[in-house]
Amino acid sequence: MSVRGALTLLLLLAVIASGWSVWTHSNVSSIQTVAERPDYVLHDYEIVALDSQGKEDFTLRGPQLERDIGAKSMTLLTPLFLVPDRNGAYWEVRAKHGFVPEDGNQLRLRGDVVATSPMQAPPQTRIEASELNLFPRENRATSSVAVTVTRPGLTMRGRGLEADFNRQQVALLSDVHSRYVPATR
């Protein structure tokens, strides 16, 4: 075989090898891109969830919601939950981020979580934490981190929380410190 023939064969093998390499890498990255992409994305949405009797469980609003096709979970950006109490007045629960696992029974709120009681159901209550787990079908919330609960004249700080929105009951679980300042007349 001549030098020219050998060089032609060598170049042909190099072109085939590089083409095969590009083809296999492009297929892998396109499969990975599809798997990482959300199933759907909602912008500026409002969702009203109903229970089995058609009564409102909660309302969810926010600028963005993404559903993960593989895990069947949802991530939320700055969600606002409106959770009705037994009288139909709404607790407002806000956070920077939210996560809804596949079963949808629990909402995990993270980052500057603030829950405020309805104005028409005194005493006005405000709950602040970095994490809060909301169970809308049960109208309750829990947390295992540091929590601050504020009511007129009363500030309570502690670790861990159990809240029942229907009964307007909030319990801090450990390391509780309270400060009561009576109203002046």
C-alpha atoms as a PDB file:
ATOM      1  CA  MET A   1       0.000   0.000   0.000  1.00  0.00           C
ATOM      2  CA  SER A   2       1.327   3.401  -0.880  1.00  0.00           C
ATOM      3  CA  VAL A   3       1.845   6.211   1.620  1.00  0.00           C
ATOM      4  CA  ARG A   4      -1.061   8.087   0.071  1.00  0.00           C
ATOM      5  CA  GLY A   5      -3.384   5.066   0.464  1.00  0.00           C
ATOM      6  CA  ALA A   6      -2.288   4.552   4.093  1.00  0.00           C
ATOM      7  CA  LEU A   7      -2.890   8.239   4.900  1.00  0.00           C
ATOM      8  CA  THR A   8      -6.318   8.121   3.253  1.00  0.00           C
ATOM      9  CA  LEU A   9      -7.255   5.041   5.288  1.00  0.00           C
ATOM     10  CA  LEU A  10      -5.980   6.641   8.492  1.00  0.00           C
ATOM     11  CA  LEU A  11      -7.963   9.853   7.856  1.00  0.00           C
ATOM     12  CA  LEU A  12     -11.086   7.839   7.046  1.00  0.00           C
ATOM     13  CA  LEU A  13     -10.786   5.943  10.346  1.00  0.00           C
ATOM     14  CA  ALA A  14     -10.271   9.235  12.233  1.00  0.00           C
ATOM     15  CA  VAL A  15     -13.397  10.764  10.636  1.00  0.00           C
ATOM     16  CA  ILE A  16     -15.470   7.694  11.495  1.00  0.00           C
ATOM     17  CA  ALA A  17     -14.199   7.643  15.111  1.00  0.00           C
ATOM     18  CA  SER A  18     -14.810  11.350  15.653  1.00  0.00           C
ATOM     19  CA  GLY A  19     -18.276  11.155  14.056  1.00  0.00           C
ATOM     20  CA  TRP A  20     -19.199   8.204  16.273  1.00  0.00           C
ATOM     21  CA  SER A  21     -17.904  10.058  19.343  1.00  0.00           C
ATOM     22  CA  VAL A  22     -19.949  13.181  18.552  1.00  0.00           C
ATOM     23  CA  TRP A  23     -23.066  11.117  17.837  1.00  0.00           C
ATOM     24  CA  THR A  24     -22.888   9.134  21.115  1.00  0.00           C
ATOM     25  CA  HIS A  25     -22.215  12.245  23.237  1.00  0.00           C
ATOM     26  CA  SER A  26     -25.024  14.235  21.620  1.00  0.00           C
ATOM     27  CA  ASN A  27     -27.551  11.442  22.299  1.00  0.00           C
ATOM     28  CA  VAL A  28     -26.565  11.216  25.976  1.00  0.00           C
ATOM     29  CA  SER A  29     -26.849  14.974  26.532  1.00  0.00           C
ATOM     30  CA  SER A  30     -30.239  15.181  24.805  1.00  0.00           C
ATOM     31  CA  ILE A  31     -31.557  12.317  26.968  1.00  0.00           C
ATOM     32  CA  GLN A  32     -30.213  14.049  30.093  1.00  0.00           C
ATOM     33  CA  THR A  33     -31.773  17.374  29.039  1.00  0.00           C
ATOM     34  CA  VAL A  34     -35.208  15.801  28.589  1.00  0.00           C
ATOM     35  CA  ALA A  35     -34.964  14.025  31.962  1.00  0.00           C
ATOM     36  CA  GLU A  36     -33.980  17.254  33.751  1.00  0.00           C
ATOM     37  CA  ARG A  37     -36.688  19.373  32.161  1.00  0.00           C
ATOM     38  CA  PRO A  38     -39.938  19.898  34.121  1.00  0.00           C
ATOM     39  CA  ASP A  39     -43.138  18.216  32.959  1.00  0.00           C
ATOM     40  CA  TYR A  40     -44.849  21.613  32.962  1.00  0.00           C
ATOM     41  CA  VAL A  41     -44.332  25.134  34.278  1.00  0.00           C
ATOM     42  CA  LEU A  42     -47.071  27.506  35.428  1.00  0.00           C
ATOM     43  CA  HIS A  43     -46.556  31.263  35.618  1.00  0.00           C
ATOM     44  CA  ASP A  44     -48.705  33.680  37.661  1.00  0.00           C
ATOM     45  CA  TYR A  45     -51.068  30.899  38.698  1.00  0.00           C
ATOM     46  CA  GLU A  46     -53.878  30.362  41.194  1.00  0.00           C
ATOM     47  CA  ILE A  47     -54.939  26.861  42.202  1.00  0.00           C
ATOM     48  CA  VAL A  48     -57.967  26.138  44.374  1.00  0.00           C
ATOM     49  CA  ALA A  49     -57.784  22.618  45.850  1.00  0.00           C
ATOM     50  CA  LEU A  50     -61.049  21.006  46.937  1.00  0.00           C
ATOM     51  CA  ASP A  51     -61.649  18.154  49.355  1.00  0.00           C
ATOM     52  CA  SER A  52     -63.782  15.078  48.580  1.00  0.00           C
ATOM     53  CA  GLN A  53     -67.000  16.997  49.465  1.00  0.00           C
ATOM     54  CA  GLY A  54     -66.123  19.880  47.129  1.00  0.00           C
ATOM     55  CA  LYS A  55     -65.179  22.217  49.977  1.00  0.00           C
ATOM     56  CA  GLU A  56     -62.038  24.341  49.630  1.00  0.00           C
ATOM     57  CA  ASP A  57     -58.928  22.740  51.140  1.00  0.00           C
ATOM     58  CA  PHE A  58     -56.629  25.636  50.262  1.00  0.00           C
ATOM     59  CA  THR A  59     -55.801  28.167  47.579  1.00  0.00           C
ATOM     60  CA  LEU A  60     -52.272  28.451  46.213  1.00  0.00           C
ATOM     61  CA  ARG A  61     -50.935  31.469  44.314  1.00  0.00           C
ATOM     62  CA  GLY A  62     -47.502  32.282  43.015  1.00  0.00           C
ATOM     63  CA  PRO A  63     -45.336  33.479  40.167  1.00  0.00           C
ATOM     64  CA  GLN A  64     -43.944  30.051  39.193  1.00  0.00           C
ATOM     65  CA  LEU A  65     -44.675  26.351  39.732  1.00  0.00           C
ATOM     66  CA  GLU A  66     -42.683  23.514  38.132  1.00  0.00           C
ATOM     67  CA  ARG A  67     -43.602  19.827  38.135  1.00  0.00           C
ATOM     68  CA  ASP A  68     -40.797  17.254  38.063  1.00  0.00           C
ATOM     69  CA  ILE A  69     -41.822  14.502  35.642  1.00  0.00           C
ATOM     70  CA  GLY A  70     -39.700  11.807  37.304  1.00  0.00           C
ATOM     71  CA  ALA A  71     -40.429  12.445  40.984  1.00  0.00           C
ATOM     72  CA  LYS A  72     -43.962  13.735  40.317  1.00  0.00           C
ATOM     73  CA  SER A  73     -43.237  16.527  42.784  1.00  0.00           C
ATOM     74  CA  MET A  74     -43.609  20.287  42.430  1.00  0.00           C
ATOM     75  CA  THR A  75     -41.347  23.189  43.296  1.00  0.00           C
ATOM     76  CA  LEU A  76     -42.832  26.604  44.006  1.00  0.00           C
ATOM     77  CA  LEU A  77     -41.294  30.055  43.873  1.00  0.00           C
ATOM     78  CA  THR A  78     -42.574  32.529  46.518  1.00  0.00           C
ATOM     79  CA  PRO A  79     -45.822  30.666  47.141  1.00  0.00           C
ATOM     80  CA  LEU A  80     -48.821  32.137  48.972  1.00  0.00           C
ATOM     81  CA  PHE A  81     -51.182  29.635  50.589  1.00  0.00           C
ATOM     82  CA  LEU A  82     -54.614  30.683  51.769  1.00  0.00           C
ATOM     83  CA  VAL A  83     -55.811  28.085  54.274  1.00  0.00           C
ATOM     84  CA  PRO A  84     -59.418  28.443  55.487  1.00  0.00           C
ATOM     85  CA  ASP A  85     -60.192  27.887  59.168  1.00  0.00           C
ATOM     86  CA  ARG A  86     -63.440  26.300  60.371  1.00  0.00           C
ATOM     87  CA  ASN A  87     -65.254  29.667  59.990  1.00  0.00           C
ATOM     88  CA  GLY A  88     -64.102  30.211  56.395  1.00  0.00           C
ATOM     89  CA  ALA A  89     -61.580  32.949  57.265  1.00  0.00           C
ATOM     90  CA  TYR A  90     -58.116  32.525  55.728  1.00  0.00           C
ATOM     91  CA  TRP A  91     -54.694  32.042  57.241  1.00  0.00           C
ATOM     92  CA  GLU A  92     -52.050  33.464  54.864  1.00  0.00           C
ATOM     93  CA  VAL A  93     -48.840  31.451  54.631  1.00  0.00           C
ATOM     94  CA  ARG A  94     -45.933  32.828  52.577  1.00  0.00           C
ATOM     95  CA  ALA A  95     -42.399  31.565  51.866  1.00  0.00           C
ATOM     96  CA  LYS A  96     -39.497  32.038  49.464  1.00  0.00           C
ATOM     97  CA  HIS A  97     -39.688  28.436  48.245  1.00  0.00           C
ATOM     98  CA  GLY A  98     -42.036  25.497  48.449  1.00  0.00           C
ATOM     99  CA  PHE A  99     -41.915  21.812  47.655  1.00  0.00           C
ATOM    100  CA  VAL A 100     -44.871  19.457  47.214  1.00  0.00           C
ATOM    101  CA  PRO A 101     -43.971  15.742  47.282  1.00  0.00           C
ATOM    102  CA  GLU A 102     -45.694  13.203  45.017  1.00  0.00           C
ATOM    103  CA  ASP A 103     -48.548  12.370  47.429  1.00  0.00           C
ATOM    104  CA  GLY A 104     -49.476  16.068  47.805  1.00  0.00           C
ATOM    105  CA  ASN A 105     -50.474  15.677  51.463  1.00  0.00           C
ATOM    106  CA  GLN A 106     -47.675  17.892  52.744  1.00  0.00           C
ATOM    107  CA  LEU A 107     -46.285  21.216  51.574  1.00  0.00           C
ATOM    108  CA  ARG A 108     -42.725  21.975  52.631  1.00  0.00           C
ATOM    109  CA  LEU A 109     -42.134  25.703  52.846  1.00  0.00           C
ATOM    110  CA  ARG A 110     -38.583  27.023  53.143  1.00  0.00           C
ATOM    111  CA  GLY A 111     -37.040  30.465  53.532  1.00  0.00           C
ATOM    112  CA  ASP A 112     -38.605  33.366  55.456  1.00  0.00           C
ATOM    113  CA  VAL A 113     -41.864  31.547  56.162  1.00  0.00           C
ATOM    114  CA  VAL A 114     -44.584  33.795  57.606  1.00  0.00           C
ATOM    115  CA  ALA A 115     -48.087  32.656  58.567  1.00  0.00           C
ATOM    116  CA  THR A 116     -50.683  35.203  59.690  1.00  0.00           C
ATOM    117  CA  SER A 117     -54.090  34.465  61.147  1.00  0.00           C
ATOM    118  CA  PRO A 118     -57.310  35.923  59.747  1.00  0.00           C
ATOM    119  CA  MET A 119     -57.990  39.514  60.806  1.00  0.00           C
ATOM    120  CA  GLN A 120     -61.558  38.602  61.798  1.00  0.00           C
ATOM    121  CA  ALA A 121     -60.368  35.861  64.222  1.00  0.00           C
ATOM    122  CA  PRO A 122     -58.609  37.564  67.149  1.00  0.00           C
ATOM    123  CA  PRO A 123     -56.074  37.483  68.604  1.00  0.00           C
ATOM    124  CA  GLN A 124     -54.053  38.368  65.526  1.00  0.00           C
ATOM    125  CA  THR A 125     -51.261  35.764  65.340  1.00  0.00           C
ATOM    126  CA  ARG A 126     -48.050  35.773  63.309  1.00  0.00           C
ATOM    127  CA  ILE A 127     -45.751  32.745  62.974  1.00  0.00           C
ATOM    128  CA  GLU A 128     -42.222  33.168  61.594  1.00  0.00           C
ATOM    129  CA  ALA A 129     -39.721  30.390  60.839  1.00  0.00           C
ATOM    130  CA  SER A 130     -37.162  29.360  58.252  1.00  0.00           C
ATOM    131  CA  GLU A 131     -39.052  26.084  57.633  1.00  0.00           C
ATOM    132  CA  LEU A 132     -42.683  25.071  57.976  1.00  0.00           C
ATOM    133  CA  ASN A 133     -44.496  21.915  56.897  1.00  0.00           C
ATOM    134  CA  LEU A 134     -48.107  22.608  56.008  1.00  0.00           C
ATOM    135  CA  PHE A 135     -50.796  19.900  56.002  1.00  0.00           C
ATOM    136  CA  PRO A 136     -53.702  21.699  54.288  1.00  0.00           C
ATOM    137  CA  ARG A 137     -56.208  18.819  54.410  1.00  0.00           C
ATOM    138  CA  GLU A 138     -55.786  18.726  58.188  1.00  0.00           C
ATOM    139  CA  ASN A 139     -55.477  22.536  58.586  1.00  0.00           C
ATOM    140  CA  ARG A 140     -52.299  22.180  60.614  1.00  0.00           C
ATOM    141  CA  ALA A 141     -48.604  23.013  60.411  1.00  0.00           C
ATOM    142  CA  THR A 142     -45.411  21.729  62.020  1.00  0.00           C
ATOM    143  CA  SER A 143     -41.814  22.846  62.241  1.00  0.00           C
ATOM    144  CA  SER A 144     -38.651  21.517  63.898  1.00  0.00           C
ATOM    145  CA  VAL A 145     -36.587  24.711  63.687  1.00  0.00           C
ATOM    146  CA  ALA A 146     -36.546  27.980  65.654  1.00  0.00           C
ATOM    147  CA  VAL A 147     -39.970  29.655  65.563  1.00  0.00           C
ATOM    148  CA  THR A 148     -41.297  33.044  66.680  1.00  0.00           C
ATOM    149  CA  VAL A 149     -44.985  33.488  67.470  1.00  0.00           C
ATOM    150  CA  THR A 150     -46.297  37.011  67.954  1.00  0.00           C
ATOM    151  CA  ARG A 151     -49.675  38.109  69.302  1.00  0.00           C
ATOM    152  CA  PRO A 152     -50.684  41.522  70.632  1.00  0.00           C
ATOM    153  CA  GLY A 153     -48.534  42.063  73.745  1.00  0.00           C
ATOM    154  CA  LEU A 154     -46.942  38.594  73.542  1.00  0.00           C
ATOM    155  CA  THR A 155     -43.837  37.271  71.801  1.00  0.00           C
ATOM    156  CA  MET A 156     -42.868  33.596  72.122  1.00  0.00           C
ATOM    157  CA  ARG A 157     -39.718  32.013  70.767  1.00  0.00           C
ATOM    158  CA  GLY A 158     -38.904  28.323  70.784  1.00  0.00           C
ATOM    159  CA  ARG A 159     -37.840  25.299  68.833  1.00  0.00           C
ATOM    160  CA  GLY A 160     -40.450  23.184  67.094  1.00  0.00           C
ATOM    161  CA  LEU A 161     -44.085  24.007  66.423  1.00  0.00           C
ATOM    162  CA  GLU A 162     -47.485  22.350  66.243  1.00  0.00           C
ATOM    163  CA  ALA A 163     -50.262  24.617  64.911  1.00  0.00           C
ATOM    164  CA  ASP A 164     -53.968  23.859  64.456  1.00  0.00           C
ATOM    165  CA  PHE A 165     -55.490  26.535  62.209  1.00  0.00           C
ATOM    166  CA  ASN A 166     -59.077  25.466  62.889  1.00  0.00           C
ATOM    167  CA  ARG A 167     -58.740  25.938  66.642  1.00  0.00           C
ATOM    168  CA  GLN A 168     -56.359  28.908  66.440  1.00  0.00           C
ATOM    169  CA  GLN A 169     -53.941  26.924  68.647  1.00  0.00           C
ATOM    170  CA  VAL A 170     -50.183  27.223  68.401  1.00  0.00           C
ATOM    171  CA  ALA A 171     -47.772  25.234  70.583  1.00  0.00           C
ATOM    172  CA  LEU A 172     -44.002  25.652  70.737  1.00  0.00           C
ATOM    173  CA  LEU A 173     -42.320  22.356  71.622  1.00  0.00           C
ATOM    174  CA  SER A 174     -39.026  23.122  73.370  1.00  0.00           C
ATOM    175  CA  ASP A 175     -36.664  25.841  74.588  1.00  0.00           C
ATOM    176  CA  VAL A 176     -39.587  28.263  74.881  1.00  0.00           C
ATOM    177  CA  HIS A 177     -39.055  31.880  75.941  1.00  0.00           C
ATOM    178  CA  SER A 178     -41.968  34.310  76.282  1.00  0.00           C
ATOM    179  CA  ARG A 179     -42.203  38.029  76.681  1.00  0.00           C
ATOM    180  CA  TYR A 180     -45.495  39.579  77.718  1.00  0.00           C
ATOM    181  CA  VAL A 181     -46.020  43.333  77.517  1.00  0.00           C
ATOM    182  CA  PRO A 182     -49.473  44.339  78.770  1.00  0.00           C
ATOM    183  CA  ALA A 183     -51.362  46.919  76.754  1.00  0.00           C
ATOM    184  CA  THR A 184     -51.313  50.382  78.296  1.00  0.00           C
ATOM    185  CA  ARG A 185     -54.536  52.341  78.560  1.00  0.00           C
END
